[in-house]
Amino acid sequence: MRIGMIGLGRMGMNMARRLLEAGHQVVAYNRTPAKTEELAQTGGEASYSLAELVAKLAPPRLVWLMLPAGEATEGHLQELLTLLQPGDTVVEGGNSFYRDDIRRAEVFAQRGLRYLDAGVSGGIWGLSVGYCTMVGGDRAGFELLEPILKDLAPAEGYMHCGPTGAGHFVKMVHNGIEYGLMQAYAEGFAILKRSPYGQGLDLGALSHLWNQGSVIRSWLLELLEPAFAKDPELSAITGYVDDSGEGRWTVQQAVDSGVSAPVIALSLFRRFESREPNAFEARVLAALRREFGGHPVRSAVPSPGGG
């Protein structure tokens, strides 16, 4: 199949390469032209504007976006609305909020355009092992996209999840679960590290061991093994942990649905905490203990040049 790929970041570039390796024709556009030219060296067709990309695709066109959620995705979709023709299909493969998909699909339908949402998981390893893909939208659109999905995903690695928004909704919850799993591993390894056995324990080897039939074996543990091998103390990185929105949306959905989800919620809040080493709420706690019980507190280190 012939497909336009918009966005050649960590995910989009390798997805385009995987499709090229499977024999598909990929016309690519990226805001940074160097990425487009890089893909062209491996068989892709470069375009340097959305208009050029659309012109290089014969109708009915198939265009897949892999951009950061928010303004970047919204802006590109608005421009595509002015360029595409009735019968064309757009796949939004970033991590958009599912309610944005519902709004966008209605606008696209008014122009005779099909809109599909695709939640994609696989990270930087997807090029070699494939991308687990969760698709929302009408069934006919899913079937149109299926030859692409088959070659992007590993065996049995894609699914039509339901109507518009379902793909990104399922991916949202997937990422919420991911938050909880990662936090559990982080806490467990911290307990091991600070235990009487921590100094003599090879955490990389333990990660490998636990993947040999253990009930907590997982791909995340597979990734921890080389991380510890490269840096046993993880001293080259800080404990600042960002989030890209899906965990927040999952927690909000739990509230809206009346579902108790304390593990996912606390893992999200722990990420917030990681970004502020001397958090105000912690200082409030220290101040309260000092005031009611006379407990000692640690003085803040004056900032350079401060009075």
Protein backbone atom coordinates (compact mmCIF):
# COMPACT_ATOMS: atom_id res chain seq x y z
CA MET A 1 0.00 0.00 0.00
CA ARG A 2 0.94 3.63 -0.41
CA ILE A 3 0.71 5.73 2.75
CA GLY A 4 1.67 9.20 3.90
CA MET A 5 3.49 9.33 7.24
CA ILE A 6 3.52 12.64 9.12
CA GLY A 7 5.96 12.83 12.00
CA LEU A 8 9.28 10.99 12.10
CA GLY A 9 10.11 11.07 15.78
CA ARG A 10 11.07 8.11 17.97
CA MET A 11 7.96 6.18 16.95
CA GLY A 12 7.12 7.52 13.49
CA MET A 13 10.54 6.99 11.96
CA ASN A 14 10.76 3.34 12.93
CA MET A 15 7.15 2.70 11.95
CA ALA A 16 7.89 4.13 8.50
CA ARG A 17 11.01 1.97 8.25
CA ARG A 18 9.09 -1.15 9.23
CA LEU A 19 6.51 -0.45 6.55
CA LEU A 20 9.22 0.09 3.94
CA GLU A 21 10.84 -3.21 4.92
CA ALA A 22 7.44 -4.90 4.40
CA GLY A 23 7.20 -3.51 0.86
CA HIS A 24 4.83 -0.57 1.40
CA GLN A 25 5.44 2.81 -0.22
CA VAL A 26 5.89 5.58 2.35
CA VAL A 27 5.65 9.28 1.52
CA ALA A 28 6.96 11.14 4.56
CA TYR A 29 6.79 14.63 6.00
CA ASN A 30 8.47 15.92 9.13
CA ARG A 31 8.74 19.42 10.50
CA THR A 32 12.52 18.94 10.58
CA PRO A 33 13.53 18.19 6.96
CA ALA A 34 16.63 16.25 8.00
CA LYS A 35 14.46 13.41 9.32
CA THR A 36 12.56 13.24 6.03
CA GLU A 37 15.83 13.07 4.11
CA GLU A 38 17.09 10.36 6.44
CA LEU A 39 14.08 8.20 5.65
CA ALA A 40 14.48 8.88 1.94
CA GLN A 41 17.91 7.26 2.11
CA THR A 42 16.21 3.99 3.11
CA GLY A 43 13.57 4.05 0.40
CA GLY A 44 10.95 6.54 1.54
CA GLU A 45 9.76 9.49 -0.53
CA ALA A 46 10.50 12.88 0.96
CA SER A 47 8.03 15.74 1.03
CA TYR A 48 8.67 19.13 2.56
CA SER A 49 5.11 20.31 3.19
CA LEU A 50 1.74 18.74 3.85
CA ALA A 51 0.56 19.98 0.49
CA GLU A 52 3.43 18.16 -1.24
CA LEU A 53 2.71 14.98 0.71
CA VAL A 54 -0.97 15.04 -0.27
CA ALA A 55 -0.07 15.71 -3.90
CA LYS A 56 2.16 12.63 -3.98
CA LEU A 57 -0.68 10.35 -2.82
CA ALA A 58 -3.32 9.22 -5.27
CA PRO A 59 -6.92 9.26 -4.01
CA PRO A 60 -8.34 7.69 -1.99
CA ARG A 61 -5.41 8.71 0.19
CA LEU A 62 -4.25 7.19 3.46
CA VAL A 63 -2.38 9.47 5.85
CA TRP A 64 -1.03 8.49 9.28
CA LEU A 65 0.02 11.09 11.89
CA MET A 66 2.59 10.32 14.62
CA LEU A 67 2.94 13.64 16.40
CA PRO A 68 2.88 14.83 20.03
CA ALA A 69 -0.65 15.16 21.37
CA GLY A 70 -2.01 18.67 21.58
CA GLU A 71 -1.19 21.67 19.43
CA ALA A 72 1.13 19.88 17.01
CA THR A 73 -1.46 17.23 16.14
CA GLU A 74 -4.35 19.69 16.08
CA GLY A 75 -2.54 22.09 13.77
CA HIS A 76 -1.58 19.42 11.26
CA LEU A 77 -5.11 17.99 11.24
CA GLN A 78 -6.60 21.42 10.58
CA GLU A 79 -4.27 21.92 7.63
CA LEU A 80 -5.08 18.46 6.27
CA LEU A 81 -8.77 19.37 6.32
CA THR A 82 -8.02 21.98 3.67
CA LEU A 83 -5.92 19.63 1.52
CA LEU A 84 -7.62 16.22 1.51
CA GLN A 85 -10.57 15.16 -0.65
CA PRO A 86 -13.73 13.19 0.15
CA GLY A 87 -12.92 9.51 0.48
CA ASP A 88 -9.49 10.06 2.02
CA THR A 89 -8.60 8.53 5.40
CA VAL A 90 -6.61 10.01 8.27
CA VAL A 91 -5.18 7.89 11.10
CA GLU A 92 -4.20 9.73 14.28
CA GLY A 93 -1.56 7.51 15.89
CA GLY A 94 -0.29 9.74 18.68
CA ASN A 95 -1.51 9.73 22.27
CA SER A 96 -4.50 12.03 21.83
CA PHE A 97 -7.33 12.27 24.35
CA TYR A 98 -10.18 10.11 23.10
CA ARG A 99 -12.76 12.90 23.38
CA ASP A 100 -10.67 14.95 20.95
CA ASP A 101 -10.99 12.06 18.49
CA ILE A 102 -14.80 12.14 18.74
CA ARG A 103 -14.83 15.89 18.04
CA ARG A 104 -12.39 15.61 15.16
CA ALA A 105 -14.14 12.65 13.54
CA GLU A 106 -17.37 14.65 13.33
CA VAL A 107 -15.57 17.52 11.59
CA PHE A 108 -13.80 15.18 9.18
CA ALA A 109 -17.05 13.37 8.38
CA GLN A 110 -18.65 16.68 7.38
CA ARG A 111 -15.95 16.93 4.68
CA GLY A 112 -16.45 13.34 3.53
CA LEU A 113 -13.22 12.24 5.22
CA ARG A 114 -12.67 9.18 7.40
CA TYR A 115 -10.90 9.57 10.75
CA LEU A 116 -9.42 6.65 12.70
CA ASP A 117 -7.67 6.75 16.06
CA ALA A 118 -4.82 4.32 16.71
CA GLY A 119 -3.19 3.76 20.06
CA VAL A 120 0.32 2.45 19.37
CA SER A 121 2.60 0.73 21.89
CA GLY A 122 6.07 -0.58 21.24
CA GLY A 123 8.47 2.26 21.87
CA ILE A 124 11.90 2.30 20.28
CA TRP A 125 11.83 -1.51 20.02
CA GLY A 126 8.89 -1.57 17.65
CA LEU A 127 11.04 -1.62 14.52
CA SER A 128 12.29 -5.11 15.34
CA VAL A 129 9.46 -6.63 17.39
CA GLY A 130 6.43 -4.77 16.02
CA TYR A 131 3.85 -2.33 17.36
CA CYS A 132 0.82 -3.38 19.37
CA THR A 133 -1.95 -1.27 17.83
CA MET A 134 -5.44 -0.46 19.14
CA VAL A 135 -7.78 1.09 16.56
CA GLY A 136 -10.99 3.06 16.93
CA GLY A 137 -13.38 4.08 14.16
CA ASP A 138 -15.75 2.50 11.70
CA ARG A 139 -15.20 -1.11 10.75
CA ALA A 140 -14.78 -0.36 7.04
CA GLY A 141 -11.95 2.04 7.84
CA PHE A 142 -10.27 -0.55 10.02
CA GLU A 143 -10.44 -3.12 7.23
CA LEU A 144 -8.98 -0.58 4.80
CA LEU A 145 -6.08 -0.06 7.19
CA GLU A 146 -5.58 -3.74 7.98
CA PRO A 147 -2.75 -4.46 5.48
CA ILE A 148 -0.75 -1.70 7.17
CA LEU A 149 -1.60 -2.95 10.66
CA LYS A 150 -0.57 -6.51 9.83
CA ASP A 151 2.90 -5.38 8.85
CA LEU A 152 3.31 -2.90 11.71
CA ALA A 153 2.29 -5.34 14.44
CA PRO A 154 3.63 -8.68 15.62
CA ALA A 155 1.38 -11.72 15.19
CA GLU A 156 -2.05 -11.05 16.72
CA GLY A 157 -0.79 -7.60 17.65
CA TYR A 158 -3.61 -5.34 16.46
CA MET A 159 -7.31 -5.00 17.23
CA HIS A 160 -10.40 -3.04 16.27
CA CYS A 161 -11.50 -1.79 19.68
CA GLY A 162 -14.76 -0.09 18.71
CA PRO A 163 -16.11 3.21 17.38
CA THR A 164 -14.28 6.53 17.25
CA GLY A 165 -12.18 7.15 20.34
CA ALA A 166 -12.02 3.50 21.41
CA GLY A 167 -8.45 3.04 20.20
CA HIS A 168 -7.05 5.94 22.18
CA PHE A 169 -9.27 5.16 25.16
CA VAL A 170 -7.86 1.62 25.39
CA LYS A 171 -4.32 2.96 24.92
CA MET A 172 -4.96 5.51 27.69
CA VAL A 173 -5.86 2.77 30.16
CA HIS A 174 -2.91 0.68 28.89
CA ASN A 175 -0.58 3.53 29.82
CA GLY A 176 -2.24 3.95 33.21
CA ILE A 177 -1.52 0.28 33.92
CA GLU A 178 2.03 0.85 32.72
CA TYR A 179 2.44 3.62 35.32
CA GLY A 180 1.43 1.23 38.09
CA LEU A 181 3.71 -1.57 36.90
CA MET A 182 6.70 0.73 36.61
CA GLN A 183 6.09 2.20 40.06
CA ALA A 184 5.84 -1.27 41.63
CA TYR A 185 9.16 -2.30 40.09
CA ALA A 186 10.75 0.98 41.20
CA GLU A 187 9.60 0.53 44.80
CA GLY A 188 10.62 -3.12 44.93
CA PHE A 189 14.12 -2.46 43.67
CA ALA A 190 14.47 0.48 46.08
CA ILE A 191 13.61 -1.83 48.99
CA LEU A 192 16.22 -4.30 47.75
CA LYS A 193 18.83 -1.58 47.29
CA ARG A 194 18.42 -0.21 50.82
CA SER A 195 18.27 -3.61 52.52
CA PRO A 196 21.14 -5.30 54.41
CA TYR A 197 21.72 -7.33 51.22
CA GLY A 198 21.56 -4.42 48.81
CA GLN A 199 25.27 -3.69 48.40
CA GLY A 200 26.13 -7.23 47.34
CA LEU A 201 23.08 -7.84 45.18
CA ASP A 202 23.41 -7.67 41.40
CA LEU A 203 20.13 -6.03 40.42
CA GLY A 204 20.72 -6.61 36.72
CA ALA A 205 21.20 -10.32 37.31
CA LEU A 206 18.12 -10.33 39.53
CA SER A 207 16.09 -8.70 36.74
CA HIS A 208 17.22 -11.52 34.46
CA LEU A 209 16.42 -14.16 37.07
CA TRP A 210 12.90 -12.90 37.64
CA ASN A 211 12.19 -13.21 33.93
CA GLN A 212 12.91 -16.96 34.03
CA GLY A 213 9.45 -18.27 34.92
CA SER A 214 8.69 -15.85 37.75
CA VAL A 215 5.12 -14.59 38.12
CA ILE A 216 6.39 -10.99 37.80
CA ARG A 217 8.33 -11.57 34.58
CA SER A 218 7.76 -8.90 31.94
CA TRP A 219 9.26 -6.89 29.13
CA LEU A 220 9.85 -4.05 31.60
CA LEU A 221 12.12 -6.33 33.60
CA GLU A 222 13.92 -7.22 30.37
CA LEU A 223 14.62 -3.52 29.92
CA LEU A 224 15.88 -3.12 33.49
CA GLU A 225 18.56 -5.75 33.00
CA PRO A 226 20.63 -3.75 30.46
CA ALA A 227 19.89 -0.50 32.33
CA PHE A 228 21.54 -1.89 35.47
CA ALA A 229 24.33 -3.46 33.41
CA LYS A 230 25.24 -0.08 31.94
CA ASP A 231 24.93 1.83 35.23
CA PRO A 232 24.42 -0.31 38.37
CA GLU A 233 23.71 2.74 40.55
CA LEU A 234 21.72 4.58 37.85
CA SER A 235 23.93 7.50 38.82
CA ALA A 236 23.99 9.05 35.34
CA ILE A 237 20.31 10.03 35.47
CA THR A 238 18.13 12.00 37.86
CA GLY A 239 14.87 10.80 39.36
CA TYR A 240 12.77 13.31 37.45
CA VAL A 241 9.89 11.40 35.86
CA ASP A 242 7.69 13.12 33.30
CA ASP A 243 4.22 12.13 32.12
CA SER A 244 2.59 12.63 28.75
CA GLY A 245 -1.03 12.86 29.86
CA GLU A 246 -2.46 9.36 29.61
CA GLY A 247 -2.02 8.61 33.32
CA ARG A 248 -3.90 11.79 34.24
CA TRP A 249 -6.73 10.94 31.85
CA THR A 250 -6.92 7.39 33.21
CA VAL A 251 -7.23 8.64 36.78
CA GLN A 252 -9.88 11.16 35.72
CA GLN A 253 -11.79 8.40 33.95
CA ALA A 254 -11.62 6.29 37.11
CA VAL A 255 -13.19 9.19 39.01
CA ASP A 256 -15.87 9.69 36.33
CA SER A 257 -16.66 5.95 36.30
CA GLY A 258 -16.56 5.52 40.07
CA VAL A 259 -13.74 2.97 39.84
CA SER A 260 -11.26 2.62 42.71
CA ALA A 261 -7.81 2.83 41.11
CA PRO A 262 -5.41 3.73 43.95
CA VAL A 263 -2.30 2.13 42.44
CA ILE A 264 -2.54 4.04 39.15
CA ALA A 265 -3.45 7.28 40.96
CA LEU A 266 -0.54 7.03 43.40
CA SER A 267 1.91 6.16 40.63
CA LEU A 268 0.85 9.33 38.82
CA PHE A 269 1.20 11.44 41.96
CA ARG A 270 4.63 9.95 42.57
CA ARG A 271 5.71 11.26 39.18
CA PHE A 272 4.56 14.73 40.20
CA GLU A 273 6.54 14.42 43.42
CA SER A 274 9.70 13.38 41.56
CA ARG A 275 9.88 16.76 39.84
CA GLU A 276 10.17 18.81 43.04
CA PRO A 277 12.90 17.53 45.38
CA ASN A 278 12.10 20.10 48.09
CA ALA A 279 8.33 20.09 47.61
CA PHE A 280 6.24 22.71 49.41
CA GLU A 281 3.90 20.07 50.84
CA ALA A 282 6.88 18.30 52.43
CA ARG A 283 7.96 21.58 54.02
CA VAL A 284 4.44 22.04 55.39
CA LEU A 285 4.66 18.59 57.02
CA ALA A 286 8.06 19.39 58.53
CA ALA A 287 6.77 22.74 59.82
CA LEU A 288 3.73 21.12 61.44
CA ARG A 289 5.85 18.50 63.23
CA ARG A 290 8.10 21.27 64.51
CA GLU A 291 5.17 23.37 65.73
CA PHE A 292 3.14 20.71 67.54
CA GLY A 293 5.91 18.47 68.80
CA GLY A 294 9.11 20.46 68.72
CA HIS A 295 10.62 18.00 66.25
CA PRO A 296 13.85 19.17 64.60
CA VAL A 297 13.84 20.36 61.01
CA ARG A 298 16.59 20.72 58.45
CA SER A 299 17.32 24.25 57.37
CA ALA A 300 17.16 25.07 53.70
CA VAL A 301 20.48 25.78 51.98
CA PRO A 302 20.54 29.50 51.06
CA SER A 303 20.54 30.14 47.35
CA PRO A 304 23.71 31.66 45.89
CA GLY A 305 23.74 35.36 46.49
CA GLY A 306 20.62 35.15 48.64
CA GLY A 307 20.24 37.06 51.88
